[in-house]
Amino acid sequence: MLIGCTPSPYERGGNPQGLSQRDVERDYMECEYKARLANQQHFYSQSSPFPFSGGPQSPADHARALHGLSTMYAMRDTCLAAKGYRVE
């Protein structure tokens, strides 16, 4: 199982008892949204106010994007754990 690469919260860990799939998906999307909102600075180039273009990235921009993804996944998983989900 790849951690952080699964689109469905059911494929990672477990969920609190009594929640429907809709409840789980809502919680997952809420945590994902909050994590992205808190880390959006990692996904923009220092030299441009716009997201990365289709062209080659500088090493600094590439590193910033990778760091942003790692931070975002950690924040999302922390949010889910605080809601009672088992995150693996």
N, C-alpha and C. Protein backbone atom coordinates (compact mmCIF):
# COMPACT_ATOMS: atom_id res chain seq x y z
N MET A 1 0.85 -1.18 0.00
CA MET A 1 0.00 0.00 0.00
C MET A 1 0.89 1.24 0.00
N LEU A 2 0.63 2.17 -0.89
CA LEU A 2 1.37 3.41 -0.94
C LEU A 2 0.67 4.44 -0.08
N ILE A 3 1.38 5.03 0.85
CA ILE A 3 0.79 6.03 1.73
C ILE A 3 0.83 7.38 1.04
N GLY A 4 -0.28 8.08 1.05
CA GLY A 4 -0.34 9.41 0.47
C GLY A 4 -0.66 9.44 -1.01
N CYS A 5 -0.82 8.28 -1.65
CA CYS A 5 -1.08 8.25 -3.08
C CYS A 5 -2.46 7.69 -3.40
N THR A 6 -3.27 7.48 -2.40
CA THR A 6 -4.55 6.85 -2.60
C THR A 6 -5.66 7.90 -2.60
N PRO A 7 -6.50 7.93 -3.62
CA PRO A 7 -7.55 8.94 -3.67
C PRO A 7 -8.70 8.71 -2.70
N SER A 8 -8.86 7.49 -2.20
CA SER A 8 -10.00 7.18 -1.34
C SER A 8 -9.56 7.00 0.11
N PRO A 9 -10.26 7.65 1.05
CA PRO A 9 -9.91 7.47 2.46
C PRO A 9 -10.15 6.04 2.94
N TYR A 10 -11.00 5.27 2.23
CA TYR A 10 -11.24 3.89 2.62
C TYR A 10 -10.04 3.00 2.36
N GLU A 11 -9.15 3.41 1.46
CA GLU A 11 -7.99 2.60 1.13
C GLU A 11 -6.82 2.85 2.07
N ARG A 12 -6.97 3.77 3.00
CA ARG A 12 -5.90 4.08 3.96
C ARG A 12 -6.48 3.97 5.36
N GLY A 13 -5.88 3.18 6.18
CA GLY A 13 -6.29 3.13 7.58
C GLY A 13 -7.74 2.75 7.77
N GLY A 14 -8.34 3.27 8.83
CA GLY A 14 -9.72 2.95 9.15
C GLY A 14 -10.51 4.22 9.43
N ASN A 15 -11.82 4.04 9.62
CA ASN A 15 -12.65 5.20 9.92
C ASN A 15 -13.45 4.94 11.18
N PRO A 16 -13.84 6.01 11.88
CA PRO A 16 -14.64 5.84 13.09
C PRO A 16 -15.94 5.10 12.79
N GLN A 17 -16.37 4.29 13.71
CA GLN A 17 -17.59 3.49 13.53
C GLN A 17 -18.81 4.40 13.38
N GLY A 18 -19.77 3.94 12.60
CA GLY A 18 -21.02 4.66 12.46
C GLY A 18 -21.04 5.75 11.41
N LEU A 19 -19.94 5.95 10.71
CA LEU A 19 -19.90 6.98 9.68
C LEU A 19 -20.18 6.36 8.31
N SER A 20 -20.93 7.07 7.52
CA SER A 20 -21.20 6.61 6.16
C SER A 20 -20.02 6.98 5.26
N GLN A 21 -20.01 6.42 4.07
CA GLN A 21 -18.95 6.76 3.12
C GLN A 21 -18.99 8.26 2.82
N ARG A 22 -20.18 8.82 2.75
CA ARG A 22 -20.32 10.26 2.50
C ARG A 22 -19.67 11.08 3.62
N ASP A 23 -19.87 10.65 4.88
CA ASP A 23 -19.25 11.35 6.01
C ASP A 23 -17.73 11.29 5.93
N VAL A 24 -17.22 10.11 5.60
CA VAL A 24 -15.77 9.92 5.51
C VAL A 24 -15.20 10.79 4.39
N GLU A 25 -15.86 10.79 3.24
CA GLU A 25 -15.38 11.59 2.11
C GLU A 25 -15.44 13.08 2.43
N ARG A 26 -16.48 13.51 3.14
CA ARG A 26 -16.59 14.92 3.54
C ARG A 26 -15.43 15.30 4.46
N ASP A 27 -15.14 14.46 5.46
CA ASP A 27 -14.04 14.74 6.38
C ASP A 27 -12.71 14.78 5.64
N TYR A 28 -12.52 13.83 4.72
CA TYR A 28 -11.27 13.77 3.95
C TYR A 28 -11.10 15.04 3.12
N MET A 29 -12.16 15.46 2.43
CA MET A 29 -12.08 16.65 1.58
C MET A 29 -11.87 17.91 2.42
N GLU A 30 -12.48 17.97 3.59
CA GLU A 30 -12.30 19.12 4.47
C GLU A 30 -10.84 19.22 4.92
N CYS A 31 -10.26 18.09 5.32
CA CYS A 31 -8.86 18.09 5.75
C CYS A 31 -7.93 18.39 4.59
N GLU A 32 -8.23 17.86 3.42
CA GLU A 32 -7.42 18.12 2.23
C GLU A 32 -7.46 19.61 1.88
N TYR A 33 -8.64 20.21 1.93
CA TYR A 33 -8.81 21.63 1.61
C TYR A 33 -8.02 22.50 2.58
N LYS A 34 -8.15 22.21 3.88
CA LYS A 34 -7.43 23.00 4.88
C LYS A 34 -5.92 22.89 4.70
N ALA A 35 -5.44 21.69 4.41
CA ALA A 35 -4.00 21.49 4.22
C ALA A 35 -3.50 22.23 2.98
N ARG A 36 -4.25 22.18 1.89
CA ARG A 36 -3.85 22.90 0.67
C ARG A 36 -3.86 24.41 0.88
N LEU A 37 -4.89 24.90 1.56
CA LEU A 37 -5.01 26.33 1.82
C LEU A 37 -3.84 26.83 2.66
N ALA A 38 -3.42 26.05 3.63
CA ALA A 38 -2.33 26.45 4.51
C ALA A 38 -0.96 26.37 3.83
N ASN A 39 -0.86 25.64 2.72
CA ASN A 39 0.44 25.41 2.09
C ASN A 39 0.53 25.89 0.65
N GLN A 40 -0.36 26.75 0.21
CA GLN A 40 -0.37 27.13 -1.19
C GLN A 40 0.89 27.87 -1.63
N GLN A 41 1.63 28.48 -0.70
CA GLN A 41 2.85 29.19 -1.09
C GLN A 41 3.91 28.25 -1.65
N HIS A 42 3.82 26.96 -1.34
CA HIS A 42 4.81 26.00 -1.84
C HIS A 42 4.60 25.65 -3.31
N PHE A 43 3.47 26.02 -3.87
CA PHE A 43 3.14 25.61 -5.22
C PHE A 43 3.25 26.73 -6.24
N TYR A 44 3.86 27.83 -5.84
CA TYR A 44 4.02 28.96 -6.75
C TYR A 44 5.50 29.31 -6.85
N SER A 45 5.90 29.72 -8.03
CA SER A 45 7.28 30.11 -8.29
C SER A 45 7.59 31.43 -7.59
N GLN A 46 8.82 31.60 -7.17
CA GLN A 46 9.24 32.87 -6.56
C GLN A 46 9.18 34.00 -7.58
N SER A 47 9.41 33.70 -8.84
CA SER A 47 9.50 34.74 -9.86
C SER A 47 8.16 35.02 -10.55
N SER A 48 7.13 34.29 -10.21
CA SER A 48 5.85 34.45 -10.89
C SER A 48 4.70 34.25 -9.91
N PRO A 49 3.65 35.05 -10.01
CA PRO A 49 2.50 34.86 -9.12
C PRO A 49 1.61 33.70 -9.56
N PHE A 50 1.96 33.04 -10.67
CA PHE A 50 1.14 31.97 -11.22
C PHE A 50 1.75 30.60 -10.92
N PRO A 51 0.92 29.56 -10.91
CA PRO A 51 1.47 28.20 -10.73
C PRO A 51 2.47 27.86 -11.83
N PHE A 52 3.22 26.82 -11.61
CA PHE A 52 4.27 26.42 -12.54
C PHE A 52 3.71 26.26 -13.94
N SER A 53 4.47 26.67 -14.91
CA SER A 53 4.07 26.51 -16.31
C SER A 53 4.43 25.09 -16.77
N GLY A 54 4.11 24.80 -18.01
CA GLY A 54 4.41 23.49 -18.56
C GLY A 54 5.88 23.30 -18.85
N GLY A 55 6.66 24.34 -18.79
CA GLY A 55 8.09 24.27 -19.08
C GLY A 55 8.88 23.70 -17.92
N PRO A 56 10.20 23.64 -18.08
CA PRO A 56 11.05 23.09 -17.02
C PRO A 56 11.03 23.98 -15.77
N GLN A 57 11.14 23.34 -14.62
CA GLN A 57 11.18 24.05 -13.35
C GLN A 57 12.62 24.22 -12.91
N SER A 58 12.86 25.28 -12.15
CA SER A 58 14.18 25.42 -11.54
C SER A 58 14.28 24.40 -10.40
N PRO A 59 15.50 24.03 -10.02
CA PRO A 59 15.65 23.09 -8.89
C PRO A 59 15.01 23.63 -7.61
N ALA A 60 15.09 24.93 -7.38
CA ALA A 60 14.49 25.50 -6.17
C ALA A 60 12.97 25.38 -6.20
N ASP A 61 12.36 25.63 -7.36
CA ASP A 61 10.91 25.50 -7.47
C ASP A 61 10.48 24.04 -7.30
N HIS A 62 11.25 23.14 -7.87
CA HIS A 62 10.94 21.71 -7.75
C HIS A 62 11.02 21.28 -6.28
N ALA A 63 12.06 21.69 -5.59
CA ALA A 63 12.22 21.34 -4.17
C ALA A 63 11.09 21.94 -3.34
N ARG A 64 10.70 23.16 -3.64
CA ARG A 64 9.62 23.82 -2.91
C ARG A 64 8.30 23.05 -3.11
N ALA A 65 8.05 22.60 -4.32
CA ALA A 65 6.82 21.85 -4.59
C ALA A 65 6.82 20.51 -3.85
N LEU A 66 7.95 19.80 -3.85
CA LEU A 66 8.02 18.52 -3.13
C LEU A 66 7.84 18.71 -1.63
N HIS A 67 8.48 19.75 -1.09
CA HIS A 67 8.32 20.04 0.34
C HIS A 67 6.86 20.38 0.64
N GLY A 68 6.24 21.14 -0.24
CA GLY A 68 4.84 21.51 -0.05
C GLY A 68 3.93 20.30 -0.02
N LEU A 69 4.17 19.35 -0.93
CA LEU A 69 3.35 18.13 -0.95
C LEU A 69 3.51 17.33 0.34
N SER A 70 4.75 17.17 0.79
CA SER A 70 5.00 16.42 2.03
C SER A 70 4.32 17.09 3.22
N THR A 71 4.43 18.41 3.29
CA THR A 71 3.82 19.16 4.38
C THR A 71 2.30 19.04 4.32
N MET A 72 1.76 19.17 3.13
CA MET A 72 0.31 19.10 2.96
C MET A 72 -0.22 17.72 3.37
N TYR A 73 0.45 16.65 2.95
CA TYR A 73 0.00 15.31 3.32
C TYR A 73 0.06 15.11 4.83
N ALA A 74 1.11 15.61 5.47
CA ALA A 74 1.24 15.47 6.92
C ALA A 74 0.12 16.23 7.63
N MET A 75 -0.20 17.43 7.16
CA MET A 75 -1.27 18.22 7.77
C MET A 75 -2.63 17.54 7.56
N ARG A 76 -2.86 17.00 6.38
CA ARG A 76 -4.12 16.31 6.10
C ARG A 76 -4.27 15.09 7.01
N ASP A 77 -3.20 14.31 7.15
CA ASP A 77 -3.26 13.12 7.99
C ASP A 77 -3.45 13.48 9.46
N THR A 78 -2.83 14.57 9.92
CA THR A 78 -3.01 15.02 11.30
C THR A 78 -4.45 15.43 11.54
N CYS A 79 -5.04 16.13 10.58
CA CYS A 79 -6.44 16.54 10.67
C CYS A 79 -7.35 15.31 10.76
N LEU A 80 -7.10 14.32 9.91
CA LEU A 80 -7.92 13.10 9.93
C LEU A 80 -7.76 12.35 11.25
N ALA A 81 -6.52 12.28 11.76
CA ALA A 81 -6.29 11.60 13.04
C ALA A 81 -7.02 12.32 14.17
N ALA A 82 -7.06 13.64 14.13
CA ALA A 82 -7.77 14.41 15.15
C ALA A 82 -9.27 14.16 15.10
N LYS A 83 -9.78 13.75 13.95
CA LYS A 83 -11.21 13.44 13.80
C LYS A 83 -11.50 11.98 14.18
N GLY A 84 -10.47 11.22 14.55
CA GLY A 84 -10.67 9.85 15.00
C GLY A 84 -10.36 8.78 13.98
N TYR A 85 -9.81 9.16 12.82
CA TYR A 85 -9.46 8.17 11.80
C TYR A 85 -8.10 7.58 12.11
N ARG A 86 -7.91 6.31 11.74
CA ARG A 86 -6.60 5.66 11.87
C ARG A 86 -5.88 5.89 10.55
N VAL A 87 -4.79 6.62 10.60
CA VAL A 87 -4.03 6.95 9.39
C VAL A 87 -2.75 6.13 9.40
N GLU A 88 -2.53 5.39 8.32
CA GLU A 88 -1.33 4.54 8.24
C GLU A 88 -0.35 5.08 7.24
